[in-house]
Each structure stands twice: as C-alpha cells, then as structure tokens.
Amino acid sequence: MNKSIITNLIAVGLVATGLAIETPFREPVLSTGLFALAGGVTNWLAIHMLFEKVPGLYGSGVISARFEDFKLGINKLVMDQFFSKENLDRFFTDMVTEDASHQLDFHQVIDETDLNPAFDGLVSVIMASSFGSMLGMFGGEGALTPLKDPFIGKMKDSLNEMAHSESFQNSVREKLTSSPVSQDIHQQIEHVVNSRLDELTPQMVKDIIQTMIREHLGWLVVWGGVFGGLIGLITSQLPI
C-alpha cells in the first residue's frame, strides 16, 4: 500500500468514526475526516492528471501531451553539452586510435554535464500545467526541489546507457575512423541522437518521468490529507 492509499484510508476511517460516535466528538472527528479526505483525494487526482488524460478535464495528461517538448529539450541538452564541438575535438585524439574491441568511454563527460537545465525545463512544464496551481498550496516550485537529485541521477543513467549502447558506439567509431574525419561530425552525431529520440513514444516519456518523480509526489497526497484534516478540525471549533 502506498502513501496515497494509506492517507485516504485513514481519512475514510475518520469519516466512518465521526458518523458512528455521538456528540461532542462527532462534529470535530467528522469534519477532520471529510476535509482530510477532500485534500487527499484532490491531490491524488491532480497527480493522476499530471500523467494521465482524463476526459473532460482540461490540462490533464500534460506529460504525454508535451512529450515533443521533452524530446527537443533532451536533444538540445545532449548536443549543446554532451556532444558539443569542443568536447568532440577533445575526444578525437584519444578515440581514433582506440582498438575496435575497446568501448569508447563517455562516463566522465556525462558526469560533468550540467543537467540542471533539463530539470528546470521539467519544472516549467509542470508549473504551466493545471497541476501548478495545486503546487502553489505547498510551496510552489520549491515543493519539487527534492526531486532534482533523483531526476539528474536517472538522466545521467539514461545518457550513459545510450552512449555506451552497441549501435551508438559503432556509429560514432565508424565516423571517427573515417579518413579524414569530416567537418560535419557534429551533424552526423546529431542525426544519430535524433534517430534514437524518434524511437521514444508519449507512453515511454510518461513512464520515464513517472518512474523518477511519482514516488516523491505521493507526499503531496499525505500533506493534503494532513492540512485538510487540520483545517476541518479548526473549522469544527469555530463558533457559528
């Protein structure tokens, strides 16, 4: 059972308890449960809408709907930082003389690549969606800050996997071992990167991002239930 289900079940339990007991505890317990359930369910629905298209609800499914933007962002990141002309020049001296059976190592370059712009782009997409207004109740963009390190770690793992795949290695080596190495090497590698990115589908992009951040977003449901319950408890104590 995940955090969202546990939170909502506790809220349902408070509602059931409030309906079963007598005054003077009936109203505060019932109000606490109802407000907690409203906060938890609302935040759960907002998280669900971030990844899934819900008919009739505008702005839902933003991750899948904007997958082309994510692909363009990844392409720009890879070509501007990972495979920049400066990095390629540095690679040439060592790579062209490597034995054909030896894998070209890009780990150091990937580790030194600044992936903050990729995370900032993801945050911008989320904040521009209908989910952004919900985040405003929990600190706005600051609520997504704990996701930065897991996101960057997953991105570097994905880049390493792509850069060290057999097809990518063969493509780069073939170009590097040609004589002479042409000036359009940057365009050739960009073509390879684009070919790999074209294999991505909206579902794959959604699954990648969902795996990275959905576990952390579950805390929004927990805090929605907690704050909703507190508001309900306080409301029940106010004089009518």
C-alpha atoms as a PDB file:
ATOM      1  CA  MET A   1       0.000   0.000   0.000  1.00  0.00           C
ATOM      2  CA  ASN A   2       1.425   3.351  -0.958  1.00  0.00           C
ATOM      3  CA  LYS A   3       1.307   6.647   0.878  1.00  0.00           C
ATOM      4  CA  SER A   4      -1.711   7.933  -1.059  1.00  0.00           C
ATOM      5  CA  ILE A   5      -3.907   4.921  -0.299  1.00  0.00           C
ATOM      6  CA  ILE A   6      -2.933   4.889   3.382  1.00  0.00           C
ATOM      7  CA  THR A   7      -3.676   8.610   3.739  1.00  0.00           C
ATOM      8  CA  ASN A   8      -7.098   8.340   2.101  1.00  0.00           C
ATOM      9  CA  LEU A   9      -7.996   5.192   4.074  1.00  0.00           C
ATOM     10  CA  ILE A  10      -7.180   6.984   7.334  1.00  0.00           C
ATOM     11  CA  ALA A  11      -9.399   9.864   6.222  1.00  0.00           C
ATOM     12  CA  VAL A  12     -12.237   7.446   5.367  1.00  0.00           C
ATOM     13  CA  GLY A  13     -11.765   5.823   8.767  1.00  0.00           C
ATOM     14  CA  LEU A  14     -12.155   9.209  10.481  1.00  0.00           C
ATOM     15  CA  VAL A  15     -15.340   9.887   8.481  1.00  0.00           C
ATOM     16  CA  ALA A  16     -16.770   6.486   9.459  1.00  0.00           C
ATOM     17  CA  THR A  17     -15.808   7.045  13.088  1.00  0.00           C
ATOM     18  CA  GLY A  18     -17.369  10.509  13.083  1.00  0.00           C
ATOM     19  CA  LEU A  19     -20.647   9.094  11.749  1.00  0.00           C
ATOM     20  CA  ALA A  20     -20.683   6.364  14.384  1.00  0.00           C
ATOM     21  CA  ILE A  21     -19.941   8.340  17.548  1.00  0.00           C
ATOM     22  CA  GLU A  22     -22.112  10.802  19.422  1.00  0.00           C
ATOM     23  CA  THR A  23     -21.541  14.448  20.252  1.00  0.00           C
ATOM     24  CA  PRO A  24     -19.478  16.272  21.419  1.00  0.00           C
ATOM     25  CA  PHE A  25     -16.788  14.373  19.447  1.00  0.00           C
ATOM     26  CA  ARG A  26     -18.917  13.629  16.398  1.00  0.00           C
ATOM     27  CA  GLU A  27     -18.516  17.006  14.641  1.00  0.00           C
ATOM     28  CA  PRO A  28     -14.732  17.524  15.078  1.00  0.00           C
ATOM     29  CA  VAL A  29     -13.890  13.941  14.059  1.00  0.00           C
ATOM     30  CA  LEU A  30     -16.290  14.018  11.095  1.00  0.00           C
ATOM     31  CA  SER A  31     -15.063  17.428   9.912  1.00  0.00           C
ATOM     32  CA  THR A  32     -11.435  16.344  10.252  1.00  0.00           C
ATOM     33  CA  GLY A  33     -12.104  13.210   8.221  1.00  0.00           C
ATOM     34  CA  LEU A  34     -14.101  14.935   5.493  1.00  0.00           C
ATOM     35  CA  PHE A  35     -11.567  17.741   4.991  1.00  0.00           C
ATOM     36  CA  ALA A  36      -8.656  15.273   5.083  1.00  0.00           C
ATOM     37  CA  LEU A  37     -10.395  13.083   2.506  1.00  0.00           C
ATOM     38  CA  ALA A  38     -11.109  16.092   0.300  1.00  0.00           C
ATOM     39  CA  GLY A  39      -7.458  17.234   0.477  1.00  0.00           C
ATOM     40  CA  GLY A  40      -6.038  13.769  -0.109  1.00  0.00           C
ATOM     41  CA  VAL A  41      -8.347  12.838  -2.986  1.00  0.00           C
ATOM     42  CA  THR A  42      -7.928  16.234  -4.665  1.00  0.00           C
ATOM     43  CA  ASN A  43      -4.135  15.998  -4.593  1.00  0.00           C
ATOM     44  CA  TRP A  44      -4.209  12.366  -5.723  1.00  0.00           C
ATOM     45  CA  LEU A  45      -6.411  13.371  -8.668  1.00  0.00           C
ATOM     46  CA  ALA A  46      -4.052  16.240  -9.528  1.00  0.00           C
ATOM     47  CA  ILE A  47      -1.058  13.852  -9.584  1.00  0.00           C
ATOM     48  CA  HIS A  48      -3.046  11.359 -11.669  1.00  0.00           C
ATOM     49  CA  MET A  49      -3.975  14.138 -14.116  1.00  0.00           C
ATOM     50  CA  LEU A  50      -0.306  15.055 -14.480  1.00  0.00           C
ATOM     51  CA  PHE A  51       0.381  11.698 -16.138  1.00  0.00           C
ATOM     52  CA  GLU A  52      -2.993  10.526 -17.462  1.00  0.00           C
ATOM     53  CA  LYS A  53      -5.524  12.152 -19.785  1.00  0.00           C
ATOM     54  CA  VAL A  54      -8.900  12.430 -18.072  1.00  0.00           C
ATOM     55  CA  PRO A  55     -11.812  13.063 -20.467  1.00  0.00           C
ATOM     56  CA  GLY A  56     -13.488  16.393 -19.817  1.00  0.00           C
ATOM     57  CA  LEU A  57     -10.716  17.742 -17.555  1.00  0.00           C
ATOM     58  CA  TYR A  58      -8.699  20.392 -19.382  1.00  0.00           C
ATOM     59  CA  GLY A  59      -4.949  20.283 -18.807  1.00  0.00           C
ATOM     60  CA  SER A  60      -4.798  16.614 -17.796  1.00  0.00           C
ATOM     61  CA  GLY A  61      -2.133  14.337 -19.262  1.00  0.00           C
ATOM     62  CA  VAL A  62       0.358  17.193 -19.638  1.00  0.00           C
ATOM     63  CA  ILE A  63       3.407  14.898 -19.584  1.00  0.00           C
ATOM     64  CA  SER A  64       2.235  12.865 -22.578  1.00  0.00           C
ATOM     65  CA  ALA A  65       0.839  15.924 -24.346  1.00  0.00           C
ATOM     66  CA  ARG A  66       4.175  17.754 -24.129  1.00  0.00           C
ATOM     67  CA  PHE A  67       6.424  14.807 -24.943  1.00  0.00           C
ATOM     68  CA  GLU A  68       7.742  16.518 -28.096  1.00  0.00           C
ATOM     69  CA  ASP A  69       8.983  19.399 -25.924  1.00  0.00           C
ATOM     70  CA  PHE A  70      10.797  16.916 -23.680  1.00  0.00           C
ATOM     71  CA  LYS A  71      12.425  15.266 -26.682  1.00  0.00           C
ATOM     72  CA  LEU A  72      13.587  18.639 -28.032  1.00  0.00           C
ATOM     73  CA  GLY A  73      14.944  19.545 -24.607  1.00  0.00           C
ATOM     74  CA  ILE A  74      16.903  16.295 -24.356  1.00  0.00           C
ATOM     75  CA  ASN A  75      18.273  16.799 -27.874  1.00  0.00           C
ATOM     76  CA  LYS A  76      19.454  20.328 -27.061  1.00  0.00           C
ATOM     77  CA  LEU A  77      20.993  19.155 -23.805  1.00  0.00           C
ATOM     78  CA  VAL A  78      22.903  16.291 -25.451  1.00  0.00           C
ATOM     79  CA  MET A  79      24.149  18.275 -28.451  1.00  0.00           C
ATOM     80  CA  ASP A  80      24.987  21.537 -26.647  1.00  0.00           C
ATOM     81  CA  GLN A  81      26.780  19.999 -23.676  1.00  0.00           C
ATOM     82  CA  PHE A  82      27.493  16.325 -24.145  1.00  0.00           C
ATOM     83  CA  PHE A  83      28.393  16.382 -27.862  1.00  0.00           C
ATOM     84  CA  SER A  84      29.437  19.990 -28.225  1.00  0.00           C
ATOM     85  CA  LYS A  85      32.117  20.720 -30.837  1.00  0.00           C
ATOM     86  CA  GLU A  86      34.600  21.465 -28.053  1.00  0.00           C
ATOM     87  CA  ASN A  87      34.038  18.050 -26.461  1.00  0.00           C
ATOM     88  CA  LEU A  88      34.289  16.323 -29.828  1.00  0.00           C
ATOM     89  CA  ASP A  89      37.638  17.965 -30.509  1.00  0.00           C
ATOM     90  CA  ARG A  90      38.866  16.658 -27.176  1.00  0.00           C
ATOM     91  CA  PHE A  91      37.588  13.154 -27.959  1.00  0.00           C
ATOM     92  CA  PHE A  92      39.182  12.829 -31.374  1.00  0.00           C
ATOM     93  CA  THR A  93      42.810  12.472 -30.306  1.00  0.00           C
ATOM     94  CA  ASP A  94      42.108   9.563 -27.951  1.00  0.00           C
ATOM     95  CA  MET A  95      39.215   7.848 -29.710  1.00  0.00           C
ATOM     96  CA  VAL A  96      40.515   7.496 -33.234  1.00  0.00           C
ATOM     97  CA  THR A  97      43.461   5.371 -32.036  1.00  0.00           C
ATOM     98  CA  GLU A  98      41.415   3.060 -29.750  1.00  0.00           C
ATOM     99  CA  ASP A  99      41.235  -0.645 -30.524  1.00  0.00           C
ATOM    100  CA  ALA A 100      37.978  -1.572 -32.257  1.00  0.00           C
ATOM    101  CA  SER A 101      37.069  -4.026 -29.486  1.00  0.00           C
ATOM    102  CA  HIS A 102      37.508  -1.374 -26.805  1.00  0.00           C
ATOM    103  CA  GLN A 103      34.397   0.564 -25.812  1.00  0.00           C
ATOM    104  CA  LEU A 104      34.555   4.330 -26.048  1.00  0.00           C
ATOM    105  CA  ASP A 105      34.131   5.733 -22.558  1.00  0.00           C
ATOM    106  CA  PHE A 106      31.848   8.751 -22.084  1.00  0.00           C
ATOM    107  CA  HIS A 107      31.260   8.373 -18.333  1.00  0.00           C
ATOM    108  CA  GLN A 108      33.429  11.320 -17.287  1.00  0.00           C
ATOM    109  CA  VAL A 109      31.845  13.682 -19.795  1.00  0.00           C
ATOM    110  CA  ILE A 110      28.342  12.668 -18.734  1.00  0.00           C
ATOM    111  CA  ASP A 111      29.227  13.030 -15.043  1.00  0.00           C
ATOM    112  CA  GLU A 112      30.485  16.566 -15.725  1.00  0.00           C
ATOM    113  CA  THR A 113      27.440  17.538 -17.794  1.00  0.00           C
ATOM    114  CA  ASP A 114      25.171  20.138 -16.190  1.00  0.00           C
ATOM    115  CA  LEU A 115      21.656  18.625 -16.178  1.00  0.00           C
ATOM    116  CA  ASN A 116      20.068  21.423 -14.173  1.00  0.00           C
ATOM    117  CA  PRO A 117      18.520  22.977 -17.330  1.00  0.00           C
ATOM    118  CA  ALA A 118      16.739  19.676 -18.031  1.00  0.00           C
ATOM    119  CA  PHE A 119      15.210  19.655 -14.544  1.00  0.00           C
ATOM    120  CA  ASP A 120      14.310  23.344 -14.812  1.00  0.00           C
ATOM    121  CA  GLY A 121      12.526  22.586 -18.081  1.00  0.00           C
ATOM    122  CA  LEU A 122      10.535  19.798 -16.430  1.00  0.00           C
ATOM    123  CA  VAL A 123       9.551  22.101 -13.565  1.00  0.00           C
ATOM    124  CA  SER A 124       8.441  24.781 -16.042  1.00  0.00           C
ATOM    125  CA  VAL A 125       6.180  22.306 -17.835  1.00  0.00           C
ATOM    126  CA  ILE A 126       4.663  21.127 -14.545  1.00  0.00           C
ATOM    127  CA  MET A 127       4.112  24.665 -13.261  1.00  0.00           C
ATOM    128  CA  ALA A 128       2.480  25.687 -16.560  1.00  0.00           C
ATOM    129  CA  SER A 129       0.004  22.817 -16.268  1.00  0.00           C
ATOM    130  CA  SER A 130      -3.163  22.651 -14.168  1.00  0.00           C
ATOM    131  CA  PHE A 131      -1.027  20.917 -11.555  1.00  0.00           C
ATOM    132  CA  GLY A 132       0.918  24.124 -10.975  1.00  0.00           C
ATOM    133  CA  SER A 133      -1.880  25.830  -9.083  1.00  0.00           C
ATOM    134  CA  MET A 134      -2.115  22.847  -6.750  1.00  0.00           C
ATOM    135  CA  LEU A 135       1.622  23.034  -6.059  1.00  0.00           C
ATOM    136  CA  GLY A 136       1.129  26.677  -5.103  1.00  0.00           C
ATOM    137  CA  MET A 137      -0.554  25.463  -1.906  1.00  0.00           C
ATOM    138  CA  PHE A 138       2.600  23.578  -0.915  1.00  0.00           C
ATOM    139  CA  GLY A 139       5.394  25.992  -1.685  1.00  0.00           C
ATOM    140  CA  GLY A 140       5.176  26.255  -5.469  1.00  0.00           C
ATOM    141  CA  GLU A 141       8.314  25.247  -7.360  1.00  0.00           C
ATOM    142  CA  GLY A 142      10.077  24.690  -4.047  1.00  0.00           C
ATOM    143  CA  ALA A 143       7.939  21.594  -3.482  1.00  0.00           C
ATOM    144  CA  LEU A 144       9.676  19.954  -6.469  1.00  0.00           C
ATOM    145  CA  THR A 145      13.213  20.716  -5.279  1.00  0.00           C
ATOM    146  CA  PRO A 146      13.662  17.311  -3.540  1.00  0.00           C
ATOM    147  CA  LEU A 147      13.103  15.701  -6.964  1.00  0.00           C
ATOM    148  CA  LYS A 148      16.166  17.363  -8.546  1.00  0.00           C
ATOM    149  CA  ASP A 149      18.854  14.880  -7.438  1.00  0.00           C
ATOM    150  CA  PRO A 150      16.822  11.732  -8.302  1.00  0.00           C
ATOM    151  CA  PHE A 151      15.910  13.257 -11.681  1.00  0.00           C
ATOM    152  CA  ILE A 152      19.514  14.184 -12.537  1.00  0.00           C
ATOM    153  CA  GLY A 153      20.728  10.756 -11.438  1.00  0.00           C
ATOM    154  CA  LYS A 154      18.206   8.985 -13.675  1.00  0.00           C
ATOM    155  CA  MET A 155      19.029  11.277 -16.595  1.00  0.00           C
ATOM    156  CA  LYS A 156      22.750  10.501 -16.318  1.00  0.00           C
ATOM    157  CA  ASP A 157      21.985   6.776 -16.157  1.00  0.00           C
ATOM    158  CA  SER A 158      19.888   7.092 -19.319  1.00  0.00           C
ATOM    159  CA  LEU A 159      22.605   9.072 -21.137  1.00  0.00           C
ATOM    160  CA  ASN A 160      25.229   6.513 -20.132  1.00  0.00           C
ATOM    161  CA  GLU A 161      23.029   3.692 -21.385  1.00  0.00           C
ATOM    162  CA  MET A 162      22.522   5.424 -24.738  1.00  0.00           C
ATOM    163  CA  ALA A 163      26.169   6.485 -25.186  1.00  0.00           C
ATOM    164  CA  HIS A 164      27.501   3.006 -24.424  1.00  0.00           C
ATOM    165  CA  SER A 165      24.996   1.023 -26.470  1.00  0.00           C
ATOM    166  CA  GLU A 166      26.473  -1.065 -29.284  1.00  0.00           C
ATOM    167  CA  SER A 167      24.648   0.796 -32.066  1.00  0.00           C
ATOM    168  CA  PHE A 168      25.699   4.214 -30.788  1.00  0.00           C
ATOM    169  CA  GLN A 169      29.314   3.122 -30.242  1.00  0.00           C
ATOM    170  CA  ASN A 170      29.512   1.662 -33.739  1.00  0.00           C
ATOM    171  CA  SER A 171      28.058   4.804 -35.303  1.00  0.00           C
ATOM    172  CA  VAL A 172      30.496   7.104 -33.509  1.00  0.00           C
ATOM    173  CA  ARG A 173      33.500   4.841 -34.157  1.00  0.00           C
ATOM    174  CA  GLU A 174      32.682   4.475 -37.846  1.00  0.00           C
ATOM    175  CA  LYS A 175      32.645   8.226 -38.254  1.00  0.00           C
ATOM    176  CA  LEU A 176      35.787   8.764 -36.210  1.00  0.00           C
ATOM    177  CA  THR A 177      37.813   6.132 -38.045  1.00  0.00           C
ATOM    178  CA  SER A 178      36.984   7.539 -41.466  1.00  0.00           C
ATOM    179  CA  SER A 179      39.897   9.304 -43.134  1.00  0.00           C
ATOM    180  CA  PRO A 180      39.830  12.180 -42.871  1.00  0.00           C
ATOM    181  CA  VAL A 181      37.303  12.961 -40.149  1.00  0.00           C
ATOM    182  CA  SER A 182      34.920  15.327 -41.875  1.00  0.00           C
ATOM    183  CA  GLN A 183      33.829  18.650 -40.521  1.00  0.00           C
ATOM    184  CA  ASP A 184      30.210  17.511 -40.356  1.00  0.00           C
ATOM    185  CA  ILE A 185      30.843  15.051 -37.486  1.00  0.00           C
ATOM    186  CA  HIS A 186      28.648  17.139 -35.201  1.00  0.00           C
ATOM    187  CA  GLN A 187      25.711  16.909 -37.639  1.00  0.00           C
ATOM    188  CA  GLN A 188      26.261  13.172 -38.044  1.00  0.00           C
ATOM    189  CA  ILE A 189      26.108  12.542 -34.303  1.00  0.00           C
ATOM    190  CA  GLU A 190      23.061  14.776 -34.020  1.00  0.00           C
ATOM    191  CA  HIS A 191      21.404  12.588 -36.634  1.00  0.00           C
ATOM    192  CA  VAL A 192      22.177   9.505 -34.525  1.00  0.00           C
ATOM    193  CA  VAL A 193      20.778  11.173 -31.396  1.00  0.00           C
ATOM    194  CA  ASN A 194      17.643  12.261 -33.251  1.00  0.00           C
ATOM    195  CA  SER A 195      17.156   8.734 -34.556  1.00  0.00           C
ATOM    196  CA  ARG A 196      17.256   7.359 -31.021  1.00  0.00           C
ATOM    197  CA  LEU A 197      14.925  10.061 -29.705  1.00  0.00           C
ATOM    198  CA  ASP A 198      12.481   9.371 -32.539  1.00  0.00           C
ATOM    199  CA  GLU A 199      12.057   5.909 -31.061  1.00  0.00           C
ATOM    200  CA  LEU A 200      10.506   7.469 -27.967  1.00  0.00           C
ATOM    201  CA  THR A 201       6.718   7.473 -27.704  1.00  0.00           C
ATOM    202  CA  PRO A 202       4.470   9.569 -25.430  1.00  0.00           C
ATOM    203  CA  GLN A 203       3.958   6.474 -23.268  1.00  0.00           C
ATOM    204  CA  MET A 204       7.725   5.921 -22.907  1.00  0.00           C
ATOM    205  CA  VAL A 205       8.315   9.566 -21.946  1.00  0.00           C
ATOM    206  CA  LYS A 206       5.470   9.373 -19.438  1.00  0.00           C
ATOM    207  CA  ASP A 207       6.856   6.162 -17.925  1.00  0.00           C
ATOM    208  CA  ILE A 208      10.375   7.606 -17.631  1.00  0.00           C
ATOM    209  CA  ILE A 209       9.238  10.754 -15.818  1.00  0.00           C
ATOM    210  CA  GLN A 210       6.639   8.911 -13.761  1.00  0.00           C
ATOM    211  CA  THR A 211       9.286   6.472 -12.513  1.00  0.00           C
ATOM    212  CA  MET A 212      11.517   9.377 -11.496  1.00  0.00           C
ATOM    213  CA  ILE A 213       9.089  11.563  -9.594  1.00  0.00           C
ATOM    214  CA  ARG A 214       5.770   9.865  -8.844  1.00  0.00           C
ATOM    215  CA  GLU A 215       7.002   8.322  -5.589  1.00  0.00           C
ATOM    216  CA  HIS A 216       8.060  11.743  -4.316  1.00  0.00           C
ATOM    217  CA  LEU A 217       4.813  13.411  -5.425  1.00  0.00           C
ATOM    218  CA  GLY A 218       2.945  10.946  -3.210  1.00  0.00           C
ATOM    219  CA  TRP A 219       3.864  13.158  -0.274  1.00  0.00           C
ATOM    220  CA  LEU A 220       1.543  15.831  -1.713  1.00  0.00           C
ATOM    221  CA  VAL A 221      -1.368  13.488  -1.023  1.00  0.00           C
ATOM    222  CA  VAL A 222      -0.129  12.916   2.528  1.00  0.00           C
ATOM    223  CA  TRP A 223       0.224  16.628   3.251  1.00  0.00           C
ATOM    224  CA  GLY A 224      -3.075  17.366   1.515  1.00  0.00           C
ATOM    225  CA  GLY A 225      -4.746  14.984   3.930  1.00  0.00           C
ATOM    226  CA  VAL A 226      -2.880  16.378   6.942  1.00  0.00           C
ATOM    227  CA  PHE A 227      -3.572  20.040   6.198  1.00  0.00           C
ATOM    228  CA  GLY A 228      -7.136  19.280   5.120  1.00  0.00           C
ATOM    229  CA  GLY A 229      -7.723  17.461   8.398  1.00  0.00           C
ATOM    230  CA  LEU A 230      -6.286  20.340  10.419  1.00  0.00           C
ATOM    231  CA  ILE A 231      -8.479  22.825   8.572  1.00  0.00           C
ATOM    232  CA  GLY A 232     -11.516  20.622   9.241  1.00  0.00           C
ATOM    233  CA  LEU A 233     -10.655  20.331  12.919  1.00  0.00           C
ATOM    234  CA  ILE A 234     -10.178  24.084  13.282  1.00  0.00           C
ATOM    235  CA  THR A 235     -13.408  24.770  11.368  1.00  0.00           C
ATOM    236  CA  SER A 236     -15.367  22.488  13.661  1.00  0.00           C
ATOM    237  CA  GLN A 237     -14.249  24.506  16.667  1.00  0.00           C
ATOM    238  CA  LEU A 238     -15.252  27.893  15.280  1.00  0.00           C
ATOM    239  CA  PRO A 239     -18.423  29.408  16.751  1.00  0.00           C
ATOM    240  CA  ILE A 240     -21.314  29.507  14.306  1.00  0.00           C
END
